[in-house]
């Protein structure tokens, strides 16, 4: 049946490479990706703020139906982030406390739900990263269809199975599998620049001459 299928994941970002992204803000990584990629402002952390980082195991399901999300939980390996495209619909929750507890027991990396969650108080008190677009008490159906390990799109951000998914309080970002090392190198350089700026601020030595230079270049009068 078209749209009702399970695929094997062909590749996944290396865990050692994932670990090297630790401590780099998502905003800095986004900057070096030309600020062209984002999971959408609606996808917010529903947990205690623990950073999210792990390879994507993707699920595309019918809005309000979580049958294939249950199957993805069985298939996921430790560290995997289950990324669910449920169409952004908030009528029915896709996951709740029971599924999160099961994911924790299996040492998964977290959830990204382009849809709703429930049991929000329990999830908010927990450390397993969960990002979602909203909250509702109405539970899901389990009828299908759906697909596992297919490309999905969240707010225009395309995620392929095995891509690196990152999240912090500012939101979500997908680092494509084939660009992970180059993006890491650029993000480290960006981080170094910002750390120097912070030191300059503390020493009252921050160079702001670029502001007037930019205004003049743009033709601003009165500079």
Protein backbone atom coordinates (compact mmCIF):
# COMPACT_ATOMS: atom_id res chain seq x y z
CA UNK A 1 0.00 0.00 0.00
CA UNK A 2 1.39 3.37 -1.00
CA UNK A 3 2.19 5.47 2.07
CA UNK A 4 2.16 2.50 4.42
CA UNK A 5 5.72 1.18 4.53
CA UNK A 6 8.81 0.62 6.65
CA UNK A 7 12.30 1.19 5.26
CA UNK A 8 15.72 0.41 6.69
CA UNK A 9 17.89 3.44 7.44
CA UNK A 10 20.82 3.42 5.04
CA UNK A 11 23.16 5.73 6.98
CA UNK A 12 23.46 7.69 10.20
CA UNK A 13 25.68 10.47 11.53
CA UNK A 14 28.56 9.05 13.59
CA UNK A 15 28.07 9.28 17.38
CA UNK A 16 31.57 10.73 17.88
CA UNK A 17 30.76 13.53 15.44
CA UNK A 18 27.45 14.17 17.19
CA UNK A 19 29.23 14.53 20.53
CA UNK A 20 31.44 17.28 19.12
CA UNK A 21 28.39 19.48 18.54
CA UNK A 22 27.82 19.54 22.30
CA UNK A 23 27.98 22.99 23.83
CA UNK A 24 27.52 24.86 20.54
CA UNK A 25 24.26 26.85 20.53
CA UNK A 26 21.79 25.98 17.80
CA UNK A 27 21.73 29.68 16.87
CA UNK A 28 25.44 29.63 16.02
CA UNK A 29 25.07 26.49 13.94
CA UNK A 30 22.12 28.09 12.17
CA UNK A 31 24.20 31.19 11.41
CA UNK A 32 26.89 29.18 9.61
CA UNK A 33 24.15 27.45 7.61
CA UNK A 34 23.26 30.90 6.20
CA UNK A 35 20.16 31.12 8.46
CA UNK A 36 18.24 29.25 5.77
CA UNK A 37 17.18 26.22 7.81
CA UNK A 38 14.76 25.97 10.74
CA UNK A 39 12.11 23.65 12.08
CA UNK A 40 9.65 26.48 12.55
CA UNK A 41 8.97 28.65 15.58
CA UNK A 42 5.97 26.50 16.56
CA UNK A 43 8.15 23.53 17.51
CA UNK A 44 9.06 24.24 21.12
CA UNK A 45 10.76 22.23 23.89
CA UNK A 46 8.23 20.39 26.06
CA UNK A 47 10.81 19.07 28.56
CA UNK A 48 13.25 20.49 31.12
CA UNK A 49 15.54 22.09 28.53
CA UNK A 50 18.12 19.32 28.10
CA UNK A 51 19.74 19.80 24.65
CA UNK A 52 18.72 17.45 21.84
CA UNK A 53 21.27 15.81 19.55
CA UNK A 54 20.97 12.58 17.62
CA UNK A 55 20.41 10.89 14.26
CA UNK A 56 16.90 11.09 12.86
CA UNK A 57 14.63 8.09 12.59
CA UNK A 58 11.82 9.63 10.60
CA UNK A 59 8.10 8.87 10.65
CA UNK A 60 5.41 10.29 8.41
CA UNK A 61 1.95 9.58 9.73
CA UNK A 62 -1.64 10.60 9.27
CA UNK A 63 -2.54 13.52 11.52
CA UNK A 64 -3.78 12.22 14.86
CA UNK A 65 -2.60 8.64 14.31
CA UNK A 66 0.48 7.20 16.05
CA UNK A 67 0.53 3.54 14.97
CA UNK A 68 3.80 3.96 13.07
CA UNK A 69 5.33 5.95 15.92
CA UNK A 70 4.88 2.89 18.14
CA UNK A 71 6.66 0.79 15.50
CA UNK A 72 9.45 3.37 15.27
CA UNK A 73 9.96 3.07 19.03
CA UNK A 74 10.62 -0.64 18.55
CA UNK A 75 13.05 -0.05 15.69
CA UNK A 76 14.99 2.87 17.16
CA UNK A 77 18.54 2.40 18.41
CA UNK A 78 19.99 4.11 21.51
CA UNK A 79 20.57 7.79 20.79
CA UNK A 80 18.09 7.98 17.92
CA UNK A 81 15.72 10.93 17.67
CA UNK A 82 12.26 9.95 16.46
CA UNK A 83 11.14 12.73 14.13
CA UNK A 84 7.43 12.62 13.36
CA UNK A 85 5.71 14.55 10.61
CA UNK A 86 2.08 14.46 11.73
CA UNK A 87 1.09 17.35 9.51
CA UNK A 88 1.30 19.91 12.30
CA UNK A 89 -2.26 19.07 13.35
CA UNK A 90 -3.02 19.70 17.04
CA UNK A 91 -6.36 17.89 17.32
CA UNK A 92 -4.94 14.66 18.75
CA UNK A 93 -1.75 13.99 20.69
CA UNK A 94 0.85 11.78 19.01
CA UNK A 95 2.81 10.85 22.15
CA UNK A 96 2.46 11.13 25.91
CA UNK A 97 4.12 10.05 29.13
CA UNK A 98 3.95 6.29 28.49
CA UNK A 99 5.75 6.49 25.15
CA UNK A 100 8.32 8.89 26.57
CA UNK A 101 9.01 6.54 29.48
CA UNK A 102 9.48 3.67 27.03
CA UNK A 103 11.86 5.79 24.96
CA UNK A 104 13.87 6.65 28.07
CA UNK A 105 14.09 2.98 29.00
CA UNK A 106 15.53 2.29 25.55
CA UNK A 107 18.01 5.22 25.85
CA UNK A 108 16.67 7.08 22.84
CA UNK A 109 17.78 10.62 22.10
CA UNK A 110 14.36 12.22 22.08
CA UNK A 111 11.29 13.11 20.02
CA UNK A 112 10.37 15.79 17.53
CA UNK A 113 6.62 15.87 16.91
CA UNK A 114 5.21 18.05 14.15
CA UNK A 115 1.90 17.81 15.95
CA UNK A 116 0.70 17.67 19.54
CA UNK A 117 1.68 15.89 22.75
CA UNK A 118 -0.16 15.26 26.01
CA UNK A 119 0.79 14.61 29.65
CA UNK A 120 2.65 17.88 29.34
CA UNK A 121 3.37 18.31 33.06
CA UNK A 122 5.17 14.97 33.23
CA UNK A 123 7.12 15.65 30.03
CA UNK A 124 8.06 19.14 31.21
CA UNK A 125 9.55 17.71 34.39
CA UNK A 126 11.58 15.13 32.47
CA UNK A 127 14.99 15.31 30.82
CA UNK A 128 14.24 13.37 27.62
CA UNK A 129 14.14 16.03 24.89
CA UNK A 130 10.66 16.39 23.40
CA UNK A 131 9.80 19.10 20.88
CA UNK A 132 6.26 19.59 19.64
CA UNK A 133 3.91 22.16 18.17
CA UNK A 134 1.27 22.04 20.87
CA UNK A 135 -0.57 20.23 23.66
CA UNK A 136 -3.96 18.53 23.83
CA UNK A 137 -5.59 15.99 26.14
CA UNK A 138 -7.21 14.17 23.21
CA UNK A 139 -5.42 10.90 22.48
CA UNK A 140 -4.37 9.40 19.14
CA UNK A 141 -5.81 6.74 16.87
CA UNK A 142 -3.89 3.64 15.80
CA UNK A 143 -5.10 2.80 12.31
CA UNK A 144 -2.30 4.01 10.00
CA UNK A 145 -1.23 4.57 7.37
CA UNK A 146 2.29 5.91 7.73
CA UNK A 147 5.90 5.45 6.66
CA UNK A 148 9.16 4.98 8.55
CA UNK A 149 12.55 6.21 7.36
CA UNK A 150 11.35 8.45 4.56
CA UNK A 151 12.18 12.12 3.99
CA UNK A 152 9.96 14.46 6.02
CA UNK A 153 9.53 18.22 6.10
CA UNK A 154 8.88 20.24 9.25
CA UNK A 155 8.09 23.86 8.58
CA UNK A 156 10.07 23.65 5.33
CA UNK A 157 13.07 21.96 6.98
CA UNK A 158 13.72 18.69 5.16
CA UNK A 159 15.01 15.84 7.31
CA UNK A 160 16.40 12.66 5.79
CA UNK A 161 16.78 9.47 7.81
CA UNK A 162 20.15 9.56 9.58
CA UNK A 163 20.57 13.34 9.45
CA UNK A 164 21.66 15.05 12.65
CA UNK A 165 18.83 16.71 14.59
CA UNK A 166 19.79 19.38 17.13
CA UNK A 167 17.66 21.33 19.55
CA UNK A 168 17.92 23.76 22.45
CA UNK A 169 15.73 26.50 23.94
CA UNK A 170 15.88 28.44 20.66
CA UNK A 171 14.40 25.62 18.59
CA UNK A 172 15.33 22.85 16.18
CA UNK A 173 17.83 22.44 13.37
CA UNK A 174 18.68 19.62 10.98
CA UNK A 175 22.30 19.18 9.90
CA UNK A 176 22.40 17.14 6.67
CA UNK A 177 24.36 13.91 6.91
CA UNK A 178 26.87 14.80 4.20
CA UNK A 179 27.60 18.29 5.55
CA UNK A 180 27.95 17.53 9.27
CA UNK A 181 31.75 17.83 9.50
CA UNK A 182 31.94 21.03 7.47
CA UNK A 183 29.14 22.61 9.50
CA UNK A 184 30.83 21.56 12.75
CA UNK A 185 34.10 23.20 11.71
CA UNK A 186 32.34 26.43 10.73
CA UNK A 187 30.27 26.46 13.94
CA UNK A 188 33.41 26.10 16.05
CA UNK A 189 34.92 29.14 14.33
CA UNK A 190 31.70 31.07 14.95
CA UNK A 191 31.77 30.05 18.60
CA UNK A 192 35.36 31.26 18.97
CA UNK A 193 34.44 34.65 17.48
CA UNK A 194 31.52 35.06 19.87
CA UNK A 195 33.60 34.08 22.88
CA UNK A 196 36.14 36.78 21.95
CA UNK A 197 33.31 39.31 21.62
CA UNK A 198 32.08 38.42 25.11
CA UNK A 199 35.60 38.93 26.46
CA UNK A 200 35.86 42.28 24.66
CA UNK A 201 32.54 43.38 26.18
CA UNK A 202 33.77 42.47 29.65
CA UNK A 203 36.92 44.51 29.02
CA UNK A 204 35.02 47.47 27.48
CA UNK A 205 36.93 46.90 24.24
CA UNK A 206 34.19 45.80 21.84
CA UNK A 207 34.78 47.29 18.37
CA UNK A 208 31.48 48.72 17.07
CA UNK A 209 32.94 50.73 14.19
CA UNK A 210 31.33 48.31 11.74
CA UNK A 211 27.90 49.82 12.52
CA UNK A 212 28.65 53.27 11.06
CA UNK A 213 30.60 51.70 8.21
CA UNK A 214 27.59 49.58 7.32
CA UNK A 215 25.17 52.49 7.58
CA UNK A 216 27.35 54.63 5.30
CA UNK A 217 27.65 51.84 2.78
CA UNK A 218 23.85 51.59 2.70
CA UNK A 219 23.47 55.33 2.15
CA UNK A 220 22.11 56.28 5.55
CA UNK A 221 22.03 60.07 6.05
CA UNK A 222 23.36 61.74 9.20
CA UNK A 223 25.95 59.17 10.18
